[in-house]
């Protein structure tokens, strides 16, 4: 797996999106459907931030690492 999540993207996932999702889960009551969805989103954001790879980005061809991709003719 090549990294496709850049440093700024990783920081936003770990320190903005995941905490907001956790707070949302708490406000939703921790055991409701929306709370579970929020906790799953928070988990996904933390894991993708930790490993630097996002499967959805790979499917869509997105790379936020700042590297230039070689174009094959």
N, C-alpha and C. Protein backbone atom coordinates (compact mmCIF):
# COMPACT_ATOMS: atom_id res chain seq x y z
N UNK A 1 0.83 -1.17 0.00
CA UNK A 1 0.00 0.00 0.00
C UNK A 1 0.88 1.24 0.00
N UNK A 2 0.74 2.05 -1.01
CA UNK A 2 1.44 3.33 -1.03
C UNK A 2 0.64 4.35 -0.25
N UNK A 3 1.34 5.21 0.44
CA UNK A 3 0.65 6.26 1.17
C UNK A 3 -0.02 7.21 0.18
N UNK A 4 -1.26 7.58 0.48
CA UNK A 4 -1.95 8.54 -0.36
C UNK A 4 -2.62 9.63 0.47
N UNK A 5 -2.32 9.68 1.77
CA UNK A 5 -2.87 10.69 2.65
C UNK A 5 -1.71 11.53 3.17
N UNK A 6 -1.73 12.82 2.84
CA UNK A 6 -0.66 13.72 3.23
C UNK A 6 -0.72 14.14 4.69
N UNK A 7 0.30 14.86 5.12
CA UNK A 7 0.44 15.25 6.52
C UNK A 7 -0.72 16.12 6.99
N UNK A 8 -1.07 17.14 6.24
CA UNK A 8 -2.17 18.03 6.65
C UNK A 8 -3.47 17.25 6.69
N UNK A 9 -3.70 16.42 5.70
CA UNK A 9 -4.91 15.58 5.65
C UNK A 9 -4.97 14.67 6.88
N UNK A 10 -3.83 14.07 7.24
CA UNK A 10 -3.78 13.18 8.40
C UNK A 10 -4.07 13.94 9.70
N UNK A 11 -3.53 15.13 9.83
CA UNK A 11 -3.78 15.93 11.02
C UNK A 11 -5.25 16.32 11.13
N UNK A 12 -5.86 16.69 10.02
CA UNK A 12 -7.28 17.05 10.03
C UNK A 12 -8.13 15.84 10.41
N UNK A 13 -7.80 14.68 9.86
CA UNK A 13 -8.55 13.46 10.19
C UNK A 13 -8.44 13.14 11.69
N UNK A 14 -7.22 13.24 12.23
CA UNK A 14 -6.97 12.82 13.61
C UNK A 14 -7.42 13.84 14.65
N UNK A 15 -7.26 15.13 14.35
CA UNK A 15 -7.50 16.14 15.37
C UNK A 15 -8.73 17.01 15.14
N UNK A 16 -9.43 16.80 14.03
CA UNK A 16 -10.66 17.55 13.79
C UNK A 16 -11.83 16.59 13.56
N UNK A 17 -11.75 15.79 12.52
CA UNK A 17 -12.89 14.94 12.14
C UNK A 17 -13.19 13.88 13.20
N UNK A 18 -12.20 13.15 13.64
CA UNK A 18 -12.44 12.09 14.63
C UNK A 18 -12.99 12.64 15.95
N UNK A 19 -12.41 13.70 16.52
CA UNK A 19 -12.99 14.23 17.76
C UNK A 19 -14.42 14.76 17.59
N UNK A 20 -14.69 15.40 16.46
CA UNK A 20 -16.05 15.89 16.22
C UNK A 20 -17.02 14.71 16.14
N UNK A 21 -16.61 13.64 15.47
CA UNK A 21 -17.47 12.45 15.37
C UNK A 21 -17.70 11.82 16.75
N UNK A 22 -16.69 11.82 17.59
CA UNK A 22 -16.84 11.26 18.93
C UNK A 22 -17.78 12.11 19.78
N UNK A 23 -17.66 13.42 19.69
CA UNK A 23 -18.58 14.30 20.40
C UNK A 23 -20.00 14.09 19.89
N UNK A 24 -20.14 13.97 18.57
CA UNK A 24 -21.46 13.74 17.97
C UNK A 24 -22.06 12.43 18.51
N UNK A 25 -21.24 11.41 18.65
CA UNK A 25 -21.71 10.14 19.19
C UNK A 25 -22.21 10.31 20.63
N UNK A 26 -21.48 11.08 21.40
CA UNK A 26 -21.90 11.34 22.78
C UNK A 26 -23.21 12.09 22.84
N UNK A 27 -23.37 13.08 21.97
CA UNK A 27 -24.61 13.84 21.94
C UNK A 27 -25.79 13.00 21.45
N UNK A 28 -25.50 12.00 20.61
CA UNK A 28 -26.54 11.13 20.09
C UNK A 28 -26.92 10.02 21.07
N UNK A 29 -26.18 9.90 22.15
CA UNK A 29 -26.55 8.94 23.18
C UNK A 29 -25.72 7.67 23.23
N UNK A 30 -24.61 7.59 22.55
CA UNK A 30 -23.65 6.49 22.57
C UNK A 30 -24.17 5.16 22.04
N UNK A 31 -25.44 4.85 22.16
CA UNK A 31 -25.92 3.54 21.71
C UNK A 31 -26.90 3.63 20.56
N UNK A 32 -27.27 4.81 20.14
CA UNK A 32 -28.18 4.95 19.01
C UNK A 32 -27.49 4.66 17.70
N UNK A 33 -28.28 4.53 16.66
CA UNK A 33 -27.73 4.23 15.33
C UNK A 33 -26.76 5.31 14.88
N UNK A 34 -27.13 6.60 15.06
CA UNK A 34 -26.25 7.68 14.62
C UNK A 34 -24.97 7.73 15.44
N UNK A 35 -25.06 7.37 16.70
CA UNK A 35 -23.86 7.33 17.54
C UNK A 35 -22.90 6.25 17.05
N UNK A 36 -23.44 5.11 16.71
CA UNK A 36 -22.60 4.02 16.21
C UNK A 36 -21.97 4.40 14.88
N UNK A 37 -22.74 5.04 14.00
CA UNK A 37 -22.19 5.51 12.72
C UNK A 37 -21.06 6.50 12.98
N UNK A 38 -21.26 7.42 13.91
CA UNK A 38 -20.23 8.42 14.23
C UNK A 38 -18.97 7.76 14.78
N UNK A 39 -19.13 6.76 15.62
CA UNK A 39 -17.96 6.06 16.17
C UNK A 39 -17.21 5.28 15.10
N UNK A 40 -17.93 4.70 14.17
CA UNK A 40 -17.29 4.00 13.05
C UNK A 40 -16.51 4.99 12.19
N UNK A 41 -17.12 6.14 11.90
CA UNK A 41 -16.44 7.18 11.12
C UNK A 41 -15.18 7.64 11.85
N UNK A 42 -15.29 7.87 13.15
CA UNK A 42 -14.13 8.29 13.94
C UNK A 42 -13.02 7.24 13.87
N UNK A 43 -13.40 5.97 14.00
CA UNK A 43 -12.41 4.89 13.92
C UNK A 43 -11.71 4.84 12.58
N UNK A 44 -12.50 4.96 11.52
CA UNK A 44 -11.92 4.94 10.17
C UNK A 44 -10.96 6.11 9.98
N UNK A 45 -11.36 7.30 10.45
CA UNK A 45 -10.49 8.48 10.31
C UNK A 45 -9.19 8.29 11.08
N UNK A 46 -9.26 7.73 12.28
CA UNK A 46 -8.05 7.52 13.07
C UNK A 46 -7.13 6.49 12.44
N UNK A 47 -7.70 5.40 11.93
CA UNK A 47 -6.88 4.36 11.31
C UNK A 47 -6.22 4.88 10.03
N UNK A 48 -6.99 5.54 9.18
CA UNK A 48 -6.41 6.05 7.93
C UNK A 48 -5.37 7.13 8.20
N UNK A 49 -5.57 7.92 9.27
CA UNK A 49 -4.56 8.92 9.64
C UNK A 49 -3.29 8.24 10.14
N UNK A 50 -3.44 7.17 10.89
CA UNK A 50 -2.29 6.47 11.45
C UNK A 50 -1.45 5.77 10.38
N UNK A 51 -2.12 5.12 9.42
CA UNK A 51 -1.38 4.36 8.41
C UNK A 51 -1.05 5.17 7.16
N UNK A 52 -1.73 6.30 6.97
CA UNK A 52 -1.43 7.15 5.81
C UNK A 52 -1.99 6.63 4.51
N UNK A 53 -2.94 5.72 4.58
CA UNK A 53 -3.54 5.15 3.37
C UNK A 53 -5.05 5.17 3.51
N UNK A 54 -5.73 5.66 2.48
CA UNK A 54 -7.18 5.68 2.45
C UNK A 54 -7.67 4.89 1.24
N UNK A 55 -8.38 3.78 1.46
CA UNK A 55 -8.86 2.97 0.33
C UNK A 55 -9.78 3.75 -0.62
N UNK A 56 -10.60 4.63 -0.09
CA UNK A 56 -11.48 5.43 -0.94
C UNK A 56 -10.66 6.35 -1.84
N UNK A 57 -9.62 6.96 -1.29
CA UNK A 57 -8.73 7.79 -2.10
C UNK A 57 -8.10 6.95 -3.21
N UNK A 58 -7.70 5.73 -2.89
CA UNK A 58 -7.09 4.85 -3.89
C UNK A 58 -8.07 4.56 -5.03
N UNK A 59 -9.32 4.28 -4.68
CA UNK A 59 -10.34 4.02 -5.72
C UNK A 59 -10.58 5.24 -6.60
N UNK A 60 -10.55 6.42 -5.99
CA UNK A 60 -10.83 7.65 -6.74
C UNK A 60 -9.58 8.27 -7.37
N UNK A 61 -8.41 7.71 -7.09
CA UNK A 61 -7.16 8.24 -7.65
C UNK A 61 -6.70 9.53 -6.99
N UNK A 62 -7.06 9.75 -5.74
CA UNK A 62 -6.68 10.96 -5.02
C UNK A 62 -5.40 10.69 -4.23
N UNK A 63 -4.51 11.68 -4.24
CA UNK A 63 -3.26 11.58 -3.48
C UNK A 63 -2.97 12.95 -2.89
N UNK A 64 -3.01 13.07 -1.57
CA UNK A 64 -2.77 14.36 -0.92
C UNK A 64 -1.37 14.45 -0.32
N UNK A 65 -0.47 13.56 -0.73
CA UNK A 65 0.88 13.58 -0.17
C UNK A 65 1.75 14.67 -0.77
N UNK A 66 1.35 15.24 -1.89
CA UNK A 66 2.15 16.28 -2.52
C UNK A 66 3.16 15.74 -3.51
N UNK A 67 3.21 14.41 -3.65
CA UNK A 67 4.11 13.82 -4.63
C UNK A 67 3.50 13.94 -6.01
N UNK A 68 4.35 14.05 -6.97
CA UNK A 68 3.89 14.07 -8.36
C UNK A 68 3.86 12.65 -8.87
N UNK A 69 2.81 12.31 -9.56
CA UNK A 69 2.72 10.97 -10.15
C UNK A 69 3.33 10.99 -11.54
N UNK A 70 4.02 9.92 -11.87
CA UNK A 70 4.59 9.78 -13.21
C UNK A 70 3.47 9.43 -14.17
N UNK A 71 3.45 10.12 -15.29
CA UNK A 71 2.42 9.86 -16.29
C UNK A 71 3.03 8.94 -17.34
N UNK A 72 2.36 7.81 -17.57
CA UNK A 72 2.86 6.85 -18.56
C UNK A 72 2.21 7.15 -19.89
N UNK A 73 3.01 7.14 -20.92
CA UNK A 73 2.48 7.46 -22.26
C UNK A 73 1.87 6.26 -22.92
